[in-house]
């Protein structure tokens, strides 16, 4: 499988992981930044540090469930981005922000075997998480 296909597959599986983790058994959750109600099917996996930084792209502390309009706002609006930063600090502490910033500066180019390992890991975790849901989850 080409690297680009592995990355695309991992993105889909990891997005599903974030949505499974951040919603309850009925599929309801809250936008990480605004606190608005969302559902498993409406949530997006929103990256605090842009996806172009591969070292943080699949880091769970960097990615949280958000409504699509709020996820897009993070890219355009510095106040929205600042609110995201404040939520990470509030929930996880300043140390996590420092760690994410350090990872962002890492020039990590994953090997295909590393991508396959991450893909297998999140597929397995998703299978386990899906068992606790009261709705059908179509696993990636």
N, C-alpha and C. Protein backbone atom coordinates (compact mmCIF):
# COMPACT_ATOMS: atom_id res chain seq x y z
N UNK A 1 0.85 -1.18 0.00
CA UNK A 1 0.00 0.00 0.00
C UNK A 1 0.90 1.24 0.00
N UNK A 2 0.66 2.18 -0.88
CA UNK A 2 1.48 3.40 -0.94
C UNK A 2 1.36 4.22 0.36
N UNK A 3 2.39 4.98 0.67
CA UNK A 3 2.40 5.79 1.88
C UNK A 3 1.19 6.72 1.95
N UNK A 4 0.86 7.36 0.84
CA UNK A 4 -0.27 8.28 0.85
C UNK A 4 -1.59 7.57 1.20
N UNK A 5 -1.73 6.34 0.76
CA UNK A 5 -2.93 5.56 1.08
C UNK A 5 -2.94 5.18 2.56
N UNK A 6 -1.76 4.82 3.08
CA UNK A 6 -1.66 4.51 4.52
C UNK A 6 -2.06 5.73 5.36
N UNK A 7 -1.56 6.90 4.98
CA UNK A 7 -1.87 8.12 5.71
C UNK A 7 -3.36 8.42 5.65
N UNK A 8 -3.95 8.29 4.47
CA UNK A 8 -5.38 8.55 4.32
C UNK A 8 -6.20 7.58 5.18
N UNK A 9 -5.82 6.31 5.18
CA UNK A 9 -6.52 5.31 5.99
C UNK A 9 -6.36 5.60 7.48
N UNK A 10 -5.14 5.94 7.88
CA UNK A 10 -4.89 6.25 9.29
C UNK A 10 -5.67 7.49 9.72
N UNK A 11 -5.75 8.49 8.87
CA UNK A 11 -6.55 9.68 9.18
C UNK A 11 -8.00 9.30 9.45
N UNK A 12 -8.57 8.45 8.62
CA UNK A 12 -9.97 8.04 8.78
C UNK A 12 -10.18 7.24 10.06
N UNK A 13 -9.29 6.31 10.33
CA UNK A 13 -9.40 5.47 11.52
C UNK A 13 -9.18 6.30 12.78
N UNK A 14 -8.21 7.21 12.74
CA UNK A 14 -7.92 8.06 13.90
C UNK A 14 -9.07 9.03 14.16
N UNK A 15 -9.66 9.57 13.12
CA UNK A 15 -10.82 10.44 13.28
C UNK A 15 -11.95 9.68 13.97
N UNK A 16 -12.15 8.45 13.55
CA UNK A 16 -13.18 7.63 14.17
C UNK A 16 -12.84 7.39 15.65
N UNK A 17 -11.58 7.15 15.95
CA UNK A 17 -11.14 6.97 17.33
C UNK A 17 -11.51 8.20 18.18
N UNK A 18 -11.19 9.39 17.69
CA UNK A 18 -11.48 10.61 18.43
C UNK A 18 -12.98 10.73 18.68
N UNK A 19 -13.78 10.48 17.66
CA UNK A 19 -15.23 10.59 17.80
C UNK A 19 -15.79 9.53 18.74
N UNK A 20 -15.21 8.33 18.75
CA UNK A 20 -15.65 7.29 19.67
C UNK A 20 -15.28 7.63 21.12
N UNK A 21 -14.09 8.14 21.32
CA UNK A 21 -13.62 8.46 22.67
C UNK A 21 -14.40 9.65 23.25
N UNK A 22 -14.71 10.61 22.42
CA UNK A 22 -15.27 11.86 22.94
C UNK A 22 -16.80 11.93 22.85
N UNK A 23 -17.44 10.79 22.63
CA UNK A 23 -18.89 10.72 22.71
C UNK A 23 -19.29 9.60 23.67
N UNK A 24 -20.47 9.72 24.23
CA UNK A 24 -20.94 8.72 25.18
C UNK A 24 -21.52 7.51 24.46
N UNK A 25 -22.09 6.58 25.22
CA UNK A 25 -22.59 5.33 24.64
C UNK A 25 -23.74 5.55 23.66
N UNK A 26 -24.45 6.67 23.81
CA UNK A 26 -25.54 6.99 22.88
C UNK A 26 -25.06 7.81 21.68
N UNK A 27 -23.78 8.18 21.69
CA UNK A 27 -23.22 8.92 20.57
C UNK A 27 -23.24 10.43 20.72
N UNK A 28 -23.49 10.91 21.94
CA UNK A 28 -23.52 12.35 22.19
C UNK A 28 -22.25 12.80 22.90
N UNK A 29 -21.84 14.02 22.58
CA UNK A 29 -20.69 14.59 23.23
C UNK A 29 -20.75 16.10 23.15
N UNK A 30 -19.62 16.73 23.42
CA UNK A 30 -19.55 18.18 23.42
C UNK A 30 -18.34 18.65 22.62
N UNK A 31 -18.54 19.75 21.92
CA UNK A 31 -17.45 20.40 21.20
C UNK A 31 -16.38 20.75 22.23
N UNK A 32 -15.15 20.34 21.97
CA UNK A 32 -14.07 20.52 22.94
C UNK A 32 -13.86 21.98 23.31
N UNK A 33 -14.04 22.88 22.37
CA UNK A 33 -13.75 24.30 22.61
C UNK A 33 -14.98 25.07 23.09
N UNK A 34 -16.11 24.89 22.42
CA UNK A 34 -17.29 25.71 22.72
C UNK A 34 -18.24 25.07 23.72
N UNK A 35 -18.16 23.76 23.89
CA UNK A 35 -19.09 23.06 24.78
C UNK A 35 -20.44 22.78 24.16
N UNK A 36 -20.61 23.12 22.87
CA UNK A 36 -21.88 22.85 22.20
C UNK A 36 -22.08 21.34 22.06
N UNK A 37 -23.33 20.92 22.10
CA UNK A 37 -23.67 19.50 21.96
C UNK A 37 -23.37 19.05 20.53
N UNK A 38 -22.82 17.86 20.39
CA UNK A 38 -22.58 17.27 19.08
C UNK A 38 -22.89 15.79 19.14
N UNK A 39 -22.89 15.17 17.99
CA UNK A 39 -23.10 13.73 17.92
C UNK A 39 -21.90 13.08 17.24
N UNK A 40 -21.82 11.79 17.43
CA UNK A 40 -20.75 11.03 16.78
C UNK A 40 -20.71 11.32 15.29
N UNK A 41 -21.87 11.35 14.65
CA UNK A 41 -21.91 11.52 13.19
C UNK A 41 -21.66 12.95 12.74
N UNK A 42 -21.87 13.94 13.60
CA UNK A 42 -21.63 15.33 13.20
C UNK A 42 -20.25 15.83 13.61
N UNK A 43 -19.60 15.13 14.51
CA UNK A 43 -18.29 15.58 15.02
C UNK A 43 -17.19 15.41 13.98
N UNK A 44 -16.23 16.30 14.06
CA UNK A 44 -14.99 16.17 13.28
C UNK A 44 -13.83 16.08 14.26
N UNK A 45 -12.76 15.46 13.80
CA UNK A 45 -11.52 15.41 14.58
C UNK A 45 -10.75 16.69 14.28
N UNK A 46 -10.74 17.59 15.24
CA UNK A 46 -10.13 18.90 15.08
C UNK A 46 -8.72 18.91 15.66
N UNK A 47 -7.77 19.32 14.84
CA UNK A 47 -6.37 19.36 15.25
C UNK A 47 -6.02 20.75 15.78
N UNK A 48 -5.45 20.80 16.99
CA UNK A 48 -4.96 22.07 17.52
C UNK A 48 -3.74 22.51 16.70
N UNK A 49 -2.76 21.64 16.60
CA UNK A 49 -1.60 21.89 15.73
C UNK A 49 -1.92 21.26 14.38
N UNK A 50 -1.69 21.99 13.33
CA UNK A 50 -2.08 21.57 11.98
C UNK A 50 -1.59 20.17 11.63
N UNK A 51 -2.37 19.51 10.79
CA UNK A 51 -2.08 18.14 10.35
C UNK A 51 -0.77 18.02 9.58
N UNK A 52 -0.27 19.12 9.05
CA UNK A 52 0.99 19.06 8.30
C UNK A 52 2.16 18.67 9.20
N UNK A 53 2.01 18.84 10.50
CA UNK A 53 3.04 18.42 11.47
C UNK A 53 2.76 16.95 11.84
N UNK A 54 3.44 16.05 11.19
CA UNK A 54 3.13 14.62 11.34
C UNK A 54 3.35 14.10 12.75
N UNK A 55 4.26 14.70 13.50
CA UNK A 55 4.54 14.22 14.85
C UNK A 55 3.35 14.44 15.80
N UNK A 56 2.47 15.36 15.46
CA UNK A 56 1.28 15.60 16.30
C UNK A 56 -0.02 15.21 15.59
N UNK A 57 0.06 14.80 14.36
CA UNK A 57 -1.15 14.53 13.56
C UNK A 57 -2.03 13.44 14.18
N UNK A 58 -1.42 12.42 14.76
CA UNK A 58 -2.18 11.31 15.35
C UNK A 58 -1.94 11.24 16.86
N UNK A 59 -1.67 12.37 17.46
CA UNK A 59 -1.47 12.48 18.91
C UNK A 59 -2.81 12.85 19.55
N UNK A 60 -3.40 11.95 20.35
CA UNK A 60 -4.74 12.22 20.90
C UNK A 60 -4.87 13.52 21.70
N UNK A 61 -3.82 13.96 22.36
CA UNK A 61 -3.92 15.21 23.11
C UNK A 61 -4.00 16.43 22.19
N UNK A 62 -3.66 16.27 20.93
CA UNK A 62 -3.70 17.35 19.95
C UNK A 62 -5.02 17.39 19.16
N UNK A 63 -5.83 16.36 19.28
CA UNK A 63 -7.01 16.22 18.41
C UNK A 63 -8.25 15.97 19.27
N UNK A 64 -9.29 16.76 19.00
CA UNK A 64 -10.51 16.67 19.80
C UNK A 64 -11.75 16.84 18.92
N UNK A 65 -12.86 16.36 19.43
CA UNK A 65 -14.13 16.46 18.69
C UNK A 65 -14.61 17.90 18.68
N UNK A 66 -15.00 18.33 17.48
CA UNK A 66 -15.58 19.65 17.31
C UNK A 66 -16.66 19.59 16.24
N UNK A 67 -17.59 20.53 16.32
CA UNK A 67 -18.55 20.70 15.24
C UNK A 67 -17.82 21.23 14.01
N UNK A 68 -18.25 20.84 12.82
CA UNK A 68 -17.53 21.24 11.60
C UNK A 68 -17.30 22.75 11.49
N UNK A 69 -18.31 23.56 11.79
CA UNK A 69 -18.14 25.00 11.65
C UNK A 69 -17.10 25.54 12.63
N UNK A 70 -17.01 24.95 13.81
CA UNK A 70 -16.01 25.41 14.79
C UNK A 70 -14.62 24.93 14.41
N UNK A 71 -14.53 23.74 13.86
CA UNK A 71 -13.24 23.22 13.38
C UNK A 71 -12.69 24.13 12.29
N UNK A 72 -13.53 24.52 11.37
CA UNK A 72 -13.09 25.41 10.28
C UNK A 72 -12.73 26.80 10.81
N UNK A 73 -13.44 27.24 11.82
CA UNK A 73 -13.17 28.56 12.41
C UNK A 73 -11.77 28.62 13.03
N UNK A 74 -11.30 27.49 13.55
CA UNK A 74 -9.96 27.45 14.15
C UNK A 74 -8.89 27.84 13.14
N UNK A 75 -9.12 27.52 11.89
CA UNK A 75 -8.15 27.82 10.84
C UNK A 75 -8.14 29.30 10.47
N UNK A 76 -9.29 29.97 10.62
CA UNK A 76 -9.43 31.36 10.15
C UNK A 76 -9.34 32.40 11.25
N UNK A 77 -9.60 32.00 12.47
CA UNK A 77 -9.83 32.96 13.53
C UNK A 77 -8.85 32.76 14.68
N UNK A 78 -8.05 33.78 14.96
CA UNK A 78 -7.05 33.65 16.03
C UNK A 78 -7.70 33.55 17.41
N UNK A 79 -8.87 34.14 17.59
CA UNK A 79 -9.56 34.03 18.88
C UNK A 79 -10.03 32.60 19.10
N UNK A 80 -10.56 31.97 18.05
CA UNK A 80 -10.98 30.57 18.16
C UNK A 80 -9.78 29.69 18.48
N UNK A 81 -8.65 29.95 17.84
CA UNK A 81 -7.43 29.16 18.10
C UNK A 81 -6.97 29.37 19.54
N UNK A 82 -7.05 30.60 20.01
CA UNK A 82 -6.67 30.91 21.40
C UNK A 82 -7.60 30.18 22.39
N UNK A 83 -8.89 30.10 22.05
CA UNK A 83 -9.83 29.36 22.90
C UNK A 83 -9.47 27.88 22.95
N UNK A 84 -9.04 27.33 21.81
CA UNK A 84 -8.61 25.92 21.76
C UNK A 84 -7.40 25.73 22.68
N UNK A 85 -6.44 26.62 22.57
CA UNK A 85 -5.24 26.56 23.41
C UNK A 85 -5.64 26.60 24.89
N UNK A 86 -6.55 27.49 25.24
CA UNK A 86 -6.98 27.62 26.64
C UNK A 86 -7.66 26.35 27.14
N UNK A 87 -8.43 25.70 26.27
CA UNK A 87 -9.09 24.46 26.67
C UNK A 87 -8.07 23.34 26.91
N UNK A 88 -7.07 23.25 26.05
CA UNK A 88 -6.02 22.23 26.26
C UNK A 88 -5.32 22.50 27.59
N UNK A 89 -5.00 23.76 27.84
CA UNK A 89 -4.34 24.13 29.09
C UNK A 89 -5.23 23.79 30.28
N UNK A 90 -6.52 24.09 30.17
CA UNK A 90 -7.47 23.84 31.26
C UNK A 90 -7.61 22.36 31.58
N UNK A 91 -7.76 21.54 30.52
CA UNK A 91 -8.00 20.11 30.73
C UNK A 91 -6.73 19.31 30.99
N UNK A 92 -5.63 19.70 30.36
CA UNK A 92 -4.43 18.86 30.40
C UNK A 92 -3.21 19.54 30.99
N UNK A 93 -3.23 20.86 31.11
CA UNK A 93 -2.13 21.58 31.73
C UNK A 93 -1.13 22.14 30.73
N UNK A 94 -0.35 23.08 31.24
CA UNK A 94 0.67 23.76 30.44
C UNK A 94 1.71 22.78 29.91
N UNK A 95 2.01 21.74 30.67
CA UNK A 95 3.02 20.76 30.24
C UNK A 95 2.65 20.10 28.92
N UNK A 96 1.36 19.85 28.72
CA UNK A 96 0.91 19.23 27.46
C UNK A 96 1.11 20.20 26.31
N UNK A 97 0.82 21.47 26.52
CA UNK A 97 1.06 22.47 25.47
C UNK A 97 2.54 22.52 25.10
N UNK A 98 3.39 22.47 26.09
CA UNK A 98 4.84 22.48 25.83
C UNK A 98 5.24 21.23 25.06
N UNK A 99 4.71 20.09 25.49
CA UNK A 99 5.02 18.82 24.80
C UNK A 99 4.55 18.85 23.34
N UNK A 100 3.34 19.34 23.11
CA UNK A 100 2.82 19.42 21.74
C UNK A 100 3.67 20.37 20.90
N UNK A 101 4.07 21.48 21.48
CA UNK A 101 4.91 22.43 20.76
C UNK A 101 6.27 21.81 20.42
N UNK A 102 6.83 21.05 21.36
CA UNK A 102 8.10 20.36 21.09
C UNK A 102 7.94 19.33 19.97
N UNK A 103 6.84 18.57 20.02
CA UNK A 103 6.58 17.59 18.97
C UNK A 103 6.41 18.26 17.60
N UNK A 104 5.74 19.41 17.61
CA UNK A 104 5.51 20.15 16.36
C UNK A 104 6.85 20.48 15.68
N UNK A 105 7.86 20.73 16.46
CA UNK A 105 9.17 21.11 15.93
C UNK A 105 9.99 19.90 15.46
N UNK A 106 9.46 18.70 15.74
CA UNK A 106 10.13 17.48 15.33
C UNK A 106 9.85 17.20 13.86
N UNK A 107 10.88 16.91 13.13
CA UNK A 107 10.72 16.60 11.70
C UNK A 107 10.59 15.09 11.54
N UNK A 108 9.46 14.55 11.99
CA UNK A 108 9.23 13.11 11.94
C UNK A 108 8.58 12.73 10.62
N UNK A 109 9.23 11.88 9.90
CA UNK A 109 8.69 11.32 8.66
C UNK A 109 8.50 9.82 8.91
N UNK A 110 7.25 9.40 9.13
CA UNK A 110 7.02 8.01 9.50
C UNK A 110 7.33 7.03 8.36
N UNK A 111 7.90 5.93 8.75
CA UNK A 111 8.10 4.82 7.82
C UNK A 111 6.75 4.13 7.62
N UNK A 112 6.61 3.43 6.53
CA UNK A 112 5.36 2.72 6.26
C UNK A 112 5.01 1.74 7.36
N UNK A 113 6.01 1.05 7.92
CA UNK A 113 5.72 0.08 8.98
C UNK A 113 5.16 0.79 10.22
N UNK A 114 5.60 2.03 10.49
CA UNK A 114 5.08 2.78 11.62
C UNK A 114 3.62 3.17 11.38
N UNK A 115 3.32 3.57 10.17
CA UNK A 115 1.94 3.90 9.82
C UNK A 115 1.04 2.68 9.93
N UNK A 116 1.54 1.52 9.47
CA UNK A 116 0.75 0.29 9.57
C UNK A 116 0.52 -0.10 11.04
N UNK A 117 1.55 0.11 11.88
CA UNK A 117 1.39 -0.19 13.31
C UNK A 117 0.33 0.71 13.96
N UNK A 118 0.39 2.01 13.65
CA UNK A 118 -0.62 2.93 14.18
C UNK A 118 -2.01 2.57 13.68
N UNK A 119 -2.10 2.22 12.42
CA UNK A 119 -3.38 1.83 11.83
C UNK A 119 -3.95 0.60 12.54
N UNK A 120 -3.13 -0.39 12.76
CA UNK A 120 -3.57 -1.61 13.45
C UNK A 120 -3.98 -1.30 14.89
N UNK A 121 -3.19 -0.47 15.57
CA UNK A 121 -3.49 -0.10 16.95
C UNK A 121 -4.85 0.58 17.06
N UNK A 122 -5.09 1.61 16.23
CA UNK A 122 -6.35 2.34 16.34
C UNK A 122 -7.53 1.54 15.84
N UNK A 123 -7.33 0.65 14.89
CA UNK A 123 -8.43 -0.23 14.47
C UNK A 123 -8.85 -1.13 15.62
N UNK A 124 -7.87 -1.68 16.34
CA UNK A 124 -8.16 -2.55 17.47
C UNK A 124 -8.86 -1.77 18.59
N UNK A 125 -8.36 -0.60 18.91
CA UNK A 125 -8.98 0.22 19.95
C UNK A 125 -10.40 0.59 19.55
N UNK A 126 -10.60 0.94 18.30
CA UNK A 126 -11.94 1.30 17.81
C UNK A 126 -12.91 0.13 17.94
N UNK A 127 -12.44 -1.08 17.66
CA UNK A 127 -13.30 -2.26 17.82
C UNK A 127 -13.78 -2.38 19.27
N UNK A 128 -12.86 -2.15 20.19
CA UNK A 128 -13.21 -2.24 21.62
C UNK A 128 -14.16 -1.11 22.02
N UNK A 129 -13.87 0.11 21.58
CA UNK A 129 -14.73 1.25 21.92
C UNK A 129 -16.13 1.10 21.33
N UNK A 130 -16.22 0.56 20.13
CA UNK A 130 -17.52 0.41 19.46
C UNK A 130 -18.45 -0.54 20.21
N UNK A 131 -17.88 -1.49 20.94
CA UNK A 131 -18.69 -2.45 21.69
C UNK A 131 -19.55 -1.77 22.75
N UNK A 132 -19.09 -0.61 23.25
CA UNK A 132 -19.79 0.08 24.32
C UNK A 132 -20.83 1.08 23.82
N UNK A 133 -20.98 1.18 22.51
CA UNK A 133 -21.91 2.15 21.95
C UNK A 133 -23.28 1.51 21.72
N UNK A 134 -24.32 2.29 21.86
CA UNK A 134 -25.69 1.81 21.67
C UNK A 134 -26.18 2.10 20.25
N UNK A 135 -25.27 2.41 19.36
CA UNK A 135 -25.61 2.69 17.97
C UNK A 135 -24.61 1.93 17.10
N UNK A 136 -24.97 1.75 15.87
CA UNK A 136 -24.10 1.00 14.96
C UNK A 136 -22.91 1.86 14.55
N UNK A 137 -21.74 1.31 14.72
CA UNK A 137 -20.51 1.98 14.30
C UNK A 137 -19.94 1.21 13.12
N UNK A 138 -19.84 1.87 12.00
CA UNK A 138 -19.22 1.23 10.84
C UNK A 138 -17.71 1.49 10.92
N UNK A 139 -17.01 0.47 11.33
CA UNK A 139 -15.57 0.62 11.54
C UNK A 139 -14.82 0.80 10.22
N UNK A 140 -13.83 1.67 10.26
CA UNK A 140 -12.99 1.94 9.10
C UNK A 140 -11.98 0.82 8.91
